[in-house]
PDB file of N, CA and C in Angstrom:
ATOM      1  N   MET A   1      84.717 109.086 111.623  1.00  0.00           N
ATOM      2  CA  MET A   1      85.463 108.636 110.412  1.00  0.00           C
ATOM      3  C   MET A   1      84.571 107.893 109.355  1.00  0.00           C
ATOM      4  N   ARG A   2      84.920 108.367 108.207  1.00  0.00           N
ATOM      5  CA  ARG A   2      84.120 107.706 107.074  1.00  0.00           C
ATOM      6  C   ARG A   2      84.915 106.847 106.110  1.00  0.00           C
ATOM      7  N   ARG A   3      84.552 105.836 105.444  1.00  0.00           N
ATOM      8  CA  ARG A   3      85.173 104.999 104.653  1.00  0.00           C
ATOM      9  C   ARG A   3      84.838 105.505 103.244  1.00  0.00           C
ATOM     10  N   ASN A   4      85.889 105.616 102.370  1.00  0.00           N
ATOM     11  CA  ASN A   4      85.789 106.230 101.112  1.00  0.00           C
ATOM     12  C   ASN A   4      86.384 105.104 100.095  1.00  0.00           C
ATOM     13  N   ALA A   5      85.660 104.758  98.924  1.00  0.00           N
ATOM     14  CA  ALA A   5      86.224 103.860  97.894  1.00  0.00           C
ATOM     15  C   ALA A   5      85.992 104.481  96.587  1.00  0.00           C
ATOM     16  N   PHE A   6      86.910 104.209  95.693  1.00  0.00           N
ATOM     17  CA  PHE A   6      86.701 104.711  94.309  1.00  0.00           C
ATOM     18  C   PHE A   6      87.651 103.973  93.290  1.00  0.00           C
ATOM     19  N   ALA A   7      87.299 104.050  92.102  1.00  0.00           N
ATOM     20  CA  ALA A   7      88.016 103.132  91.075  1.00  0.00           C
ATOM     21  C   ALA A   7      88.700 104.199  90.057  1.00  0.00           C
ATOM     22  N   MET A   8      89.761 103.809  89.604  1.00  0.00           N
ATOM     23  CA  MET A   8      90.523 104.493  88.635  1.00  0.00           C
ATOM     24  C   MET A   8      90.979 103.514  87.646  1.00  0.00           C
ATOM     25  N   ARG A   9      91.474 104.030  86.437  1.00  0.00           N
ATOM     26  CA  ARG A   9      92.037 103.103  85.324  1.00  0.00           C
ATOM     27  C   ARG A   9      93.535 103.307  85.024  1.00  0.00           C
ATOM     28  N   LEU A  10      94.204 102.258  84.975  1.00  0.00           N
ATOM     29  CA  LEU A  10      95.611 102.159  84.730  1.00  0.00           C
ATOM     30  C   LEU A  10      95.721 101.838  83.160  1.00  0.00           C
ATOM     31  N   LYS A  11      96.709 102.452  82.423  1.00  0.00           N
ATOM     32  CA  LYS A  11      96.919 102.223  81.111  1.00  0.00           C
ATOM     33  C   LYS A  11      97.513 100.831  80.946  1.00  0.00           C
ATOM     34  N   PRO A  12      97.109  99.903  80.065  1.00  0.00           N
ATOM     35  CA  PRO A  12      97.851  98.524  79.821  1.00  0.00           C
ATOM     36  C   PRO A  12      99.348  98.686  79.922  1.00  0.00           C
ATOM     37  N   GLY A  13      99.855  97.739  80.535  1.00  0.00           N
ATOM     38  CA  GLY A  13     101.343  97.507  80.508  1.00  0.00           C
ATOM     39  C   GLY A  13     102.159  98.442  81.479  1.00  0.00           C
ATOM     40  N   CYS A  14     101.368  99.190  82.310  1.00  0.00           N
ATOM     41  CA  CYS A  14     101.825 100.173  83.196  1.00  0.00           C
ATOM     42  C   CYS A  14     101.968  99.873  84.703  1.00  0.00           C
ATOM     43  N   GLU A  15     101.604  98.496  84.823  1.00  0.00           N
ATOM     44  CA  GLU A  15     101.510  98.137  86.370  1.00  0.00           C
ATOM     45  C   GLU A  15     102.767  98.255  87.164  1.00  0.00           C
ATOM     46  N   ALA A  16     103.934  97.935  86.596  1.00  0.00           N
ATOM     47  CA  ALA A  16     105.194  97.898  87.427  1.00  0.00           C
ATOM     48  C   ALA A  16     105.622  99.394  87.577  1.00  0.00           C
ATOM     49  N   GLU A  17     105.310 100.264  86.572  1.00  0.00           N
ATOM     50  CA  GLU A  17     105.649 101.679  86.808  1.00  0.00           C
ATOM     51  C   GLU A  17     104.761 102.313  87.815  1.00  0.00           C
ATOM     52  N   TYR A  18     103.540 101.961  87.773  1.00  0.00           N
ATOM     53  CA  TYR A  18     102.674 102.486  88.706  1.00  0.00           C
ATOM     54  C   TYR A  18     103.049 102.042  90.174  1.00  0.00           C
ATOM     55  N   LYS A  19     103.468 100.905  90.274  1.00  0.00           N
ATOM     56  CA  LYS A  19     103.886 100.431  91.737  1.00  0.00           C
ATOM     57  C   LYS A  19     105.173 101.068  92.164  1.00  0.00           C
ATOM     58  N   LYS A  20     106.101 101.103  91.107  1.00  0.00           N
ATOM     59  CA  LYS A  20     107.377 101.863  91.371  1.00  0.00           C
ATOM     60  C   LYS A  20     107.212 103.348  91.910  1.00  0.00           C
ATOM     61  N   ARG A  21     106.345 104.105  91.154  1.00  0.00           N
ATOM     62  CA  ARG A  21     106.221 105.429  91.497  1.00  0.00           C
ATOM     63  C   ARG A  21     105.496 105.596  92.837  1.00  0.00           C
ATOM     64  N   HIS A  22     104.539 104.627  93.206  1.00  0.00           N
ATOM     65  CA  HIS A  22     103.851 104.679  94.550  1.00  0.00           C
ATOM     66  C   HIS A  22     104.777 104.231  95.678  1.00  0.00           C
ATOM     67  N   ASP A  23     105.677 103.300  95.326  1.00  0.00           N
ATOM     68  CA  ASP A  23     106.634 102.875  96.369  1.00  0.00           C
ATOM     69  C   ASP A  23     107.561 104.064  96.759  1.00  0.00           C
ATOM     70  N   ALA A  24     107.696 105.099  95.870  1.00  0.00           N
ATOM     71  CA  ALA A  24     108.450 106.164  96.196  1.00  0.00           C
ATOM     72  C   ALA A  24     107.661 107.566  96.149  1.00  0.00           C
ATOM     73  N   ILE A  25     106.553 107.344  96.656  1.00  0.00           N
ATOM     74  CA  ILE A  25     105.615 108.611  96.883  1.00  0.00           C
ATOM     75  C   ILE A  25     106.327 109.745  97.651  1.00  0.00           C
ATOM     76  N   TRP A  26     106.152 110.897  97.152  1.00  0.00           N
ATOM     77  CA  TRP A  26     106.818 111.867  97.729  1.00  0.00           C
ATOM     78  C   TRP A  26     106.217 112.224  99.203  1.00  0.00           C
ATOM     79  N   PRO A  27     107.298 112.365 100.135  1.00  0.00           N
ATOM     80  CA  PRO A  27     106.853 112.647 101.509  1.00  0.00           C
ATOM     81  C   PRO A  27     106.027 113.915 101.611  1.00  0.00           C
ATOM     82  N   GLU A  28     106.128 114.896 100.854  1.00  0.00           N
ATOM     83  CA  GLU A  28     105.271 116.066 101.009  1.00  0.00           C
ATOM     84  C   GLU A  28     103.813 115.783 100.475  1.00  0.00           C
ATOM     85  N   LEU A  29     103.707 114.868  99.589  1.00  0.00           N
ATOM     86  CA  LEU A  29     102.307 114.539  99.185  1.00  0.00           C
ATOM     87  C   LEU A  29     101.744 113.721 100.204  1.00  0.00           C
ATOM     88  N   LYS A  30     102.394 112.629 100.861  1.00  0.00           N
ATOM     89  CA  LYS A  30     101.866 112.015 102.006  1.00  0.00           C
ATOM     90  C   LYS A  30     101.451 112.910 103.199  1.00  0.00           C
ATOM     91  N   ALA A  31     102.224 113.977 103.318  1.00  0.00           N
ATOM     92  CA  ALA A  31     101.831 114.809 104.479  1.00  0.00           C
ATOM     93  C   ALA A  31     100.641 115.530 104.241  1.00  0.00           C
ATOM     94  N   GLU A  32     100.519 115.925 102.864  1.00  0.00           N
ATOM     95  CA  GLU A  32      99.299 116.693 102.614  1.00  0.00           C
ATOM     96  C   GLU A  32      97.989 115.883 102.678  1.00  0.00           C
ATOM     97  N   LEU A  33      98.098 114.650 102.355  1.00  0.00           N
ATOM     98  CA  LEU A  33      97.049 113.589 102.324  1.00  0.00           C
ATOM     99  C   LEU A  33      96.644 113.399 103.764  1.00  0.00           C
ATOM    100  N   ARG A  34      97.679 113.217 104.586  1.00  0.00           N
ATOM    101  CA  ARG A  34      97.422 113.094 106.115  1.00  0.00           C
ATOM    102  C   ARG A  34      96.636 114.395 106.579  1.00  0.00           C
ATOM    103  N   ARG A  35      97.319 115.516 106.242  1.00  0.00           N
ATOM    104  CA  ARG A  35      96.762 116.893 106.771  1.00  0.00           C
ATOM    105  C   ARG A  35      95.337 117.049 106.268  1.00  0.00           C
ATOM    106  N   ALA A  36      94.927 116.497 105.274  1.00  0.00           N
ATOM    107  CA  ALA A  36      93.501 116.546 104.691  1.00  0.00           C
ATOM    108  C   ALA A  36      92.677 115.619 105.446  1.00  0.00           C
ATOM    109  N   GLY A  37      93.146 114.714 106.303  1.00  0.00           N
ATOM    110  CA  GLY A  37      92.359 113.887 107.016  1.00  0.00           C
ATOM    111  C   GLY A  37      92.195 112.501 106.474  1.00  0.00           C
ATOM    112  N   ILE A  38      93.236 112.074 105.520  1.00  0.00           N
ATOM    113  CA  ILE A  38      93.094 110.831 104.827  1.00  0.00           C
ATOM    114  C   ILE A  38      93.997 109.910 105.703  1.00  0.00           C
ATOM    115  N   SER A  39      93.471 108.648 105.993  1.00  0.00           N
ATOM    116  CA  SER A  39      94.319 107.534 106.676  1.00  0.00           C
ATOM    117  C   SER A  39      93.913 106.220 106.061  1.00  0.00           C
ATOM    118  N   ASP A  40      94.853 105.349 106.392  1.00  0.00           N
ATOM    119  CA  ASP A  40      94.607 103.927 105.940  1.00  0.00           C
ATOM    120  C   ASP A  40      94.320 103.825 104.434  1.00  0.00           C
ATOM    121  N   TYR A  41      95.082 104.398 103.655  1.00  0.00           N
ATOM    122  CA  TYR A  41      94.864 104.495 102.286  1.00  0.00           C
ATOM    123  C   TYR A  41      95.617 103.458 101.539  1.00  0.00           C
ATOM    124  N   SER A  42      94.774 102.632 100.778  1.00  0.00           N
ATOM    125  CA  SER A  42      95.358 101.500  99.980  1.00  0.00           C
ATOM    126  C   SER A  42      94.726 101.568  98.637  1.00  0.00           C
ATOM    127  N   ILE A  43      95.503 101.076  97.576  1.00  0.00           N
ATOM    128  CA  ILE A  43      95.074 100.917  96.263  1.00  0.00           C
ATOM    129  C   ILE A  43      95.401  99.563  95.652  1.00  0.00           C
ATOM    130  N   TYR A  44      94.394  98.977  95.175  1.00  0.00           N
ATOM    131  CA  TYR A  44      94.465  97.581  94.563  1.00  0.00           C
ATOM    132  C   TYR A  44      94.360  97.572  93.047  1.00  0.00           C
ATOM    133  N   LEU A  45      95.033  96.512  92.448  1.00  0.00           N
ATOM    134  CA  LEU A  45      94.769  96.431  91.083  1.00  0.00           C
ATOM    135  C   LEU A  45      94.099  95.228  90.707  1.00  0.00           C
ATOM    136  N   ASP A  46      93.151  95.460  89.724  1.00  0.00           N
ATOM    137  CA  ASP A  46      92.536  94.259  89.064  1.00  0.00           C
ATOM    138  C   ASP A  46      93.175  94.001  87.676  1.00  0.00           C
ATOM    139  N   LYS A  47      94.103  93.152  87.667  1.00  0.00           N
ATOM    140  CA  LYS A  47      94.791  92.864  86.460  1.00  0.00           C
ATOM    141  C   LYS A  47      93.988  92.604  85.235  1.00  0.00           C
ATOM    142  N   LYS A  48      92.852  91.953  85.529  1.00  0.00           N
ATOM    143  CA  LYS A  48      91.996  91.599  84.326  1.00  0.00           C
ATOM    144  C   LYS A  48      91.510  92.825  83.647  1.00  0.00           C
ATOM    145  N   THR A  49      91.139  93.815  84.431  1.00  0.00           N
ATOM    146  CA  THR A  49      90.617  95.024  83.798  1.00  0.00           C
ATOM    147  C   THR A  49      91.486  96.372  83.828  1.00  0.00           C
ATOM    148  N   ASN A  50      92.619  96.294  84.418  1.00  0.00           N
ATOM    149  CA  ASN A  50      93.395  97.425  84.678  1.00  0.00           C
ATOM    150  C   ASN A  50      92.683  98.460  85.560  1.00  0.00           C
ATOM    151  N   THR A  51      91.705  98.028  86.349  1.00  0.00           N
ATOM    152  CA  THR A  51      91.144  98.924  87.261  1.00  0.00           C
ATOM    153  C   THR A  51      91.841  98.941  88.542  1.00  0.00           C
ATOM    154  N   LEU A  52      91.968 100.170  89.118  1.00  0.00           N
ATOM    155  CA  LEU A  52      92.572 100.387  90.375  1.00  0.00           C
ATOM    156  C   LEU A  52      91.480 100.715  91.221  1.00  0.00           C
ATOM    157  N   PHE A  53      91.413  99.919  92.437  1.00  0.00           N
ATOM    158  CA  PHE A  53      90.430 100.204  93.406  1.00  0.00           C
ATOM    159  C   PHE A  53      91.171 100.854  94.512  1.00  0.00           C
ATOM    160  N   ALA A  54      90.760 101.916  95.020  1.00  0.00           N
ATOM    161  CA  ALA A  54      91.264 102.749  96.106  1.00  0.00           C
ATOM    162  C   ALA A  54      90.302 102.633  97.317  1.00  0.00           C
ATOM    163  N   PHE A  55      90.869 102.571  98.542  1.00  0.00           N
ATOM    164  CA  PHE A  55      90.118 102.597  99.781  1.00  0.00           C
ATOM    165  C   PHE A  55      90.782 103.527 100.714  1.00  0.00           C
ATOM    166  N   GLN A  56      90.124 104.349 101.463  1.00  0.00           N
ATOM    167  CA  GLN A  56      90.751 105.092 102.414  1.00  0.00           C
ATOM    168  C   GLN A  56      89.766 105.603 103.530  1.00  0.00           C
ATOM    169  N   TYR A  57      90.205 105.884 104.719  1.00  0.00           N
ATOM    170  CA  TYR A  57      89.501 106.537 105.751  1.00  0.00           C
ATOM    171  C   TYR A  57      89.496 107.935 105.644  1.00  0.00           C
ATOM    172  N   LEU A  58      88.468 108.751 105.831  1.00  0.00           N
ATOM    173  CA  LEU A  58      88.433 110.124 105.860  1.00  0.00           C
ATOM    174  C   LEU A  58      87.960 110.531 107.331  1.00  0.00           C
ATOM    175  N   ALA A  59      88.665 111.435 107.997  1.00  0.00           N
ATOM    176  CA  ALA A  59      88.249 112.033 109.270  1.00  0.00           C
ATOM    177  C   ALA A  59      86.937 112.800 108.995  1.00  0.00           C
ATOM    178  N   ASP A  60      86.181 112.855 110.109  1.00  0.00           N
ATOM    179  CA  ASP A  60      84.929 113.595 110.038  1.00  0.00           C
ATOM    180  C   ASP A  60      85.102 115.018 109.613  1.00  0.00           C
ATOM    181  N   ASP A  61      86.268 115.714 109.864  1.00  0.00           N
ATOM    182  CA  ASP A  61      86.493 117.018 109.480  1.00  0.00           C
ATOM    183  C   ASP A  61      87.543 117.140 108.254  1.00  0.00           C
ATOM    184  N   ALA A  62      87.544 116.003 107.473  1.00  0.00           N
ATOM    185  CA  ALA A  62      88.505 116.027 106.324  1.00  0.00           C
ATOM    186  C   ALA A  62      88.228 117.174 105.308  1.00  0.00           C
ATOM    187  N   THR A  63      89.438 117.530 104.775  1.00  0.00           N
ATOM    188  CA  THR A  63      89.459 118.571 103.926  1.00  0.00           C
ATOM    189  C   THR A  63      89.960 118.101 102.509  1.00  0.00           C
ATOM    190  N   ASP A  64      89.789 116.718 102.198  1.00  0.00           N
ATOM    191  CA  ASP A  64      90.202 116.282 100.998  1.00  0.00           C
ATOM    192  C   ASP A  64      89.717 116.983  99.632  1.00  0.00           C
ATOM    193  N   TYR A  65      88.605 117.537  99.894  1.00  0.00           N
ATOM    194  CA  TYR A  65      88.094 118.451  98.704  1.00  0.00           C
ATOM    195  C   TYR A  65      89.098 119.621  98.234  1.00  0.00           C
ATOM    196  N   GLU A  66      89.953 119.948  99.156  1.00  0.00           N
ATOM    197  CA  GLU A  66      91.010 120.969  98.882  1.00  0.00           C
ATOM    198  C   GLU A  66      92.171 120.481  98.108  1.00  0.00           C
ATOM    199  N   LEU A  67      92.388 119.185  98.204  1.00  0.00           N
ATOM    200  CA  LEU A  67      93.640 118.485  97.641  1.00  0.00           C
ATOM    201  C   LEU A  67      93.800 118.884  96.157  1.00  0.00           C
ATOM    202  N   PRO A  68      92.783 118.854  95.330  1.00  0.00           N
ATOM    203  CA  PRO A  68      92.961 119.315  93.827  1.00  0.00           C
ATOM    204  C   PRO A  68      93.698 120.612  93.555  1.00  0.00           C
ATOM    205  N   HIS A  69      93.513 121.488  94.519  1.00  0.00           N
ATOM    206  CA  HIS A  69      94.056 122.887  94.368  1.00  0.00           C
ATOM    207  C   HIS A  69      95.600 123.101  94.854  1.00  0.00           C
ATOM    208  N   LEU A  70      96.012 122.080  95.440  1.00  0.00           N
ATOM    209  CA  LEU A  70      97.520 122.066  95.840  1.00  0.00           C
ATOM    210  C   LEU A  70      98.439 121.719  94.777  1.00  0.00           C
ATOM    211  N   GLU A  71      99.592 122.464  94.734  1.00  0.00           N
ATOM    212  CA  GLU A  71     100.622 122.360  93.799  1.00  0.00           C
ATOM    213  C   GLU A  71     101.214 120.964  93.778  1.00  0.00           C
ATOM    214  N   VAL A  72     101.480 120.421  94.954  1.00  0.00           N
ATOM    215  CA  VAL A  72     102.049 119.107  94.969  1.00  0.00           C
ATOM    216  C   VAL A  72     101.192 118.000  94.478  1.00  0.00           C
ATOM    217  N   VAL A  73      99.817 118.101  94.512  1.00  0.00           N
ATOM    218  CA  VAL A  73      98.933 117.227  93.915  1.00  0.00           C
ATOM    219  C   VAL A  73      98.830 117.379  92.489  1.00  0.00           C
ATOM    220  N   LYS A  74      98.929 118.541  92.005  1.00  0.00           N
ATOM    221  CA  LYS A  74      98.926 118.759  90.598  1.00  0.00           C
ATOM    222  C   LYS A  74     100.127 118.148  89.851  1.00  0.00           C
ATOM    223  N   LYS A  75     101.330 118.376  90.631  1.00  0.00           N
ATOM    224  CA  LYS A  75     102.560 117.816  90.014  1.00  0.00           C
ATOM    225  C   LYS A  75     102.529 116.258  89.966  1.00  0.00           C
ATOM    226  N   TRP A  76     101.910 115.760  91.133  1.00  0.00           N
ATOM    227  CA  TRP A  76     101.748 114.194  91.123  1.00  0.00           C
ATOM    228  C   TRP A  76     100.997 113.620  89.945  1.00  0.00           C
ATOM    229  N   TRP A  77      99.697 114.432  89.774  1.00  0.00           N
ATOM    230  CA  TRP A  77      98.913 114.024  88.609  1.00  0.00           C
ATOM    231  C   TRP A  77      99.657 114.115  87.350  1.00  0.00           C
ATOM    232  N   HIS A  78     100.393 115.239  87.084  1.00  0.00           N
ATOM    233  CA  HIS A  78     101.083 115.503  85.859  1.00  0.00           C
ATOM    234  C   HIS A  78     102.001 114.228  85.634  1.00  0.00           C
ATOM    235  N   MET A  79     102.769 113.853  86.711  1.00  0.00           N
ATOM    236  CA  MET A  79     103.686 112.811  86.694  1.00  0.00           C
ATOM    237  C   MET A  79     103.023 111.482  86.245  1.00  0.00           C
ATOM    238  N   MET A  80     101.908 111.215  86.833  1.00  0.00           N
ATOM    239  CA  MET A  80     101.181 109.980  86.696  1.00  0.00           C
ATOM    240  C   MET A  80     100.220 109.946  85.336  1.00  0.00           C
ATOM    241  N   SER A  81     100.115 111.091  84.704  1.00  0.00           N
ATOM    242  CA  SER A  81      99.173 111.208  83.505  1.00  0.00           C
ATOM    243  C   SER A  81      99.592 110.192  82.409  1.00  0.00           C
ATOM    244  N   ASP A  82     100.933 109.988  82.252  1.00  0.00           N
ATOM    245  CA  ASP A  82     101.321 109.086  81.148  1.00  0.00           C
ATOM    246  C   ASP A  82     100.925 107.606  81.390  1.00  0.00           C
ATOM    247  N   ILE A  83     100.567 107.249  82.547  1.00  0.00           N
ATOM    248  CA  ILE A  83     100.153 105.853  82.826  1.00  0.00           C
ATOM    249  C   ILE A  83      98.876 105.510  83.373  1.00  0.00           C
ATOM    250  N   MET A  84      98.049 106.592  83.471  1.00  0.00           N
ATOM    251  CA  MET A  84      96.681 106.483  83.872  1.00  0.00           C
ATOM    252  C   MET A  84      95.734 107.164  83.024  1.00  0.00           C
ATOM    253  N   GLU A  85      94.489 106.843  82.937  1.00  0.00           N
ATOM    254  CA  GLU A  85      93.409 107.537  82.300  1.00  0.00           C
ATOM    255  C   GLU A  85      93.134 108.719  83.073  1.00  0.00           C
ATOM    256  N   THR A  86      93.231 109.988  82.477  1.00  0.00           N
ATOM    257  CA  THR A  86      92.953 111.172  83.209  1.00  0.00           C
ATOM    258  C   THR A  86      91.884 112.092  82.620  1.00  0.00           C
ATOM    259  N   ASN A  87      91.449 113.049  83.308  1.00  0.00           N
ATOM    260  CA  ASN A  87      90.702 114.154  82.928  1.00  0.00           C
ATOM    261  C   ASN A  87      91.572 115.209  82.308  1.00  0.00           C
ATOM    262  N   PRO A  88      90.932 116.207  81.582  1.00  0.00           N
ATOM    263  CA  PRO A  88      91.703 117.321  80.884  1.00  0.00           C
ATOM    264  C   PRO A  88      92.744 118.001  81.835  1.00  0.00           C
ATOM    265  N   ASP A  89      92.374 118.156  83.146  1.00  0.00           N
ATOM    266  CA  ASP A  89      93.338 118.773  84.154  1.00  0.00           C
ATOM    267  C   ASP A  89      94.324 117.706  84.588  1.00  0.00           C
ATOM    268  N   GLU A  90      94.531 116.525  84.153  1.00  0.00           N
ATOM    269  CA  GLU A  90      95.371 115.551  84.501  1.00  0.00           C
ATOM    270  C   GLU A  90      95.046 114.921  85.720  1.00  0.00           C
ATOM    271  N   SER A  91      93.872 115.071  86.306  1.00  0.00           N
ATOM    272  CA  SER A  91      93.384 114.287  87.595  1.00  0.00           C
ATOM    273  C   SER A  91      92.998 112.992  87.041  1.00  0.00           C
ATOM    274  N   PRO A  92      93.239 111.933  87.799  1.00  0.00           N
ATOM    275  CA  PRO A  92      92.758 110.628  87.429  1.00  0.00           C
ATOM    276  C   PRO A  92      91.348 110.619  87.227  1.00  0.00           C
ATOM    277  N   LEU A  93      90.974 109.877  86.044  1.00  0.00           N
ATOM    278  CA  LEU A  93      89.421 109.644  86.004  1.00  0.00           C
ATOM    279  C   LEU A  93      89.198 108.600  87.058  1.00  0.00           C
ATOM    280  N   SER A  94      88.122 109.003  87.770  1.00  0.00           N
ATOM    281  CA  SER A  94      87.658 108.179  89.061  1.00  0.00           C
ATOM    282  C   SER A  94      86.224 108.192  89.143  1.00  0.00           C
ATOM    283  N   ASP A  95      85.796 107.040  89.634  1.00  0.00           N
ATOM    284  CA  ASP A  95      84.417 106.700  89.862  1.00  0.00           C
ATOM    285  C   ASP A  95      84.203 106.353  91.269  1.00  0.00           C
ATOM    286  N   PRO A  96      83.225 107.089  91.985  1.00  0.00           N
ATOM    287  CA  PRO A  96      83.095 106.719  93.382  1.00  0.00           C
ATOM    288  C   PRO A  96      82.354 105.231  93.412  1.00  0.00           C
ATOM    289  N   LEU A  97      82.716 104.527  94.343  1.00  0.00           N
ATOM    290  CA  LEU A  97      82.242 103.245  94.594  1.00  0.00           C
ATOM    291  C   LEU A  97      81.165 103.095  95.633  1.00  0.00           C
ATOM    292  N   GLU A  98      79.991 102.526  95.417  1.00  0.00           N
ATOM    293  CA  GLU A  98      79.007 102.533  96.607  1.00  0.00           C
ATOM    294  C   GLU A  98      79.278 101.300  97.561  1.00  0.00           C
ATOM    295  N   GLU A  99      79.320 101.546  98.873  1.00  0.00           N
ATOM    296  CA  GLU A  99      79.589 100.512  99.782  1.00  0.00           C
ATOM    297  C   GLU A  99      78.222  99.619  99.751  1.00  0.00           C
ATOM    298  N   MET A 100      78.503  98.238  99.548  1.00  0.00           N
ATOM    299  CA  MET A 100      77.398  97.344  99.510  1.00  0.00           C
ATOM    300  C   MET A 100      77.341  96.480 100.711  1.00  0.00           C
ATOM    301  N   PHE A 101      78.515  96.339 101.396  1.00  0.00           N
ATOM    302  CA  PHE A 101      78.574  95.511 102.580  1.00  0.00           C
ATOM    303  C   PHE A 101      79.832  95.965 103.339  1.00  0.00           C
ATOM    304  N   HIS A 102      79.590  95.939 104.848  1.00  0.00           N
ATOM    305  CA  HIS A 102      80.712  96.201 105.683  1.00  0.00           C
ATOM    306  C   HIS A 102      80.636  95.376 106.893  1.00  0.00           C
ATOM    307  N   MET A 103      81.743  94.807 107.282  1.00  0.00           N
ATOM    308  CA  MET A 103      81.710  94.096 108.526  1.00  0.00           C
ATOM    309  C   MET A 103      82.965  94.599 109.431  1.00  0.00           C
ATOM    310  N   ASP A 104      82.745  94.923 110.577  1.00  0.00           N
ATOM    311  CA  ASP A 104      83.946  95.302 111.419  1.00  0.00           C
ATOM    312  C   ASP A 104      84.438  94.030 112.088  1.00  0.00           C
TER     313      ASP A 104
END
């Protein structure tokens, strides 16, 4: 099991809408995330900077690299593109975060 963390950016004033959409995340999207080996997935918001901090566990045999090719993921990205900073393909702009400390 590997730990994975990354940062994304939320557009100003979109905090409530982001939370609302994630509270109603599509069951088929959750199923694909699990199938790809993702578990214990959390996203936090730094309100001062509108930075979203995501943390997840990836199974040793995770296939998360395949997720961007799935139709349900592309639809989710499209739905979220009006409230997040995105790449031209509507995937969220994200930056990997380097682990600096961990304690079990």
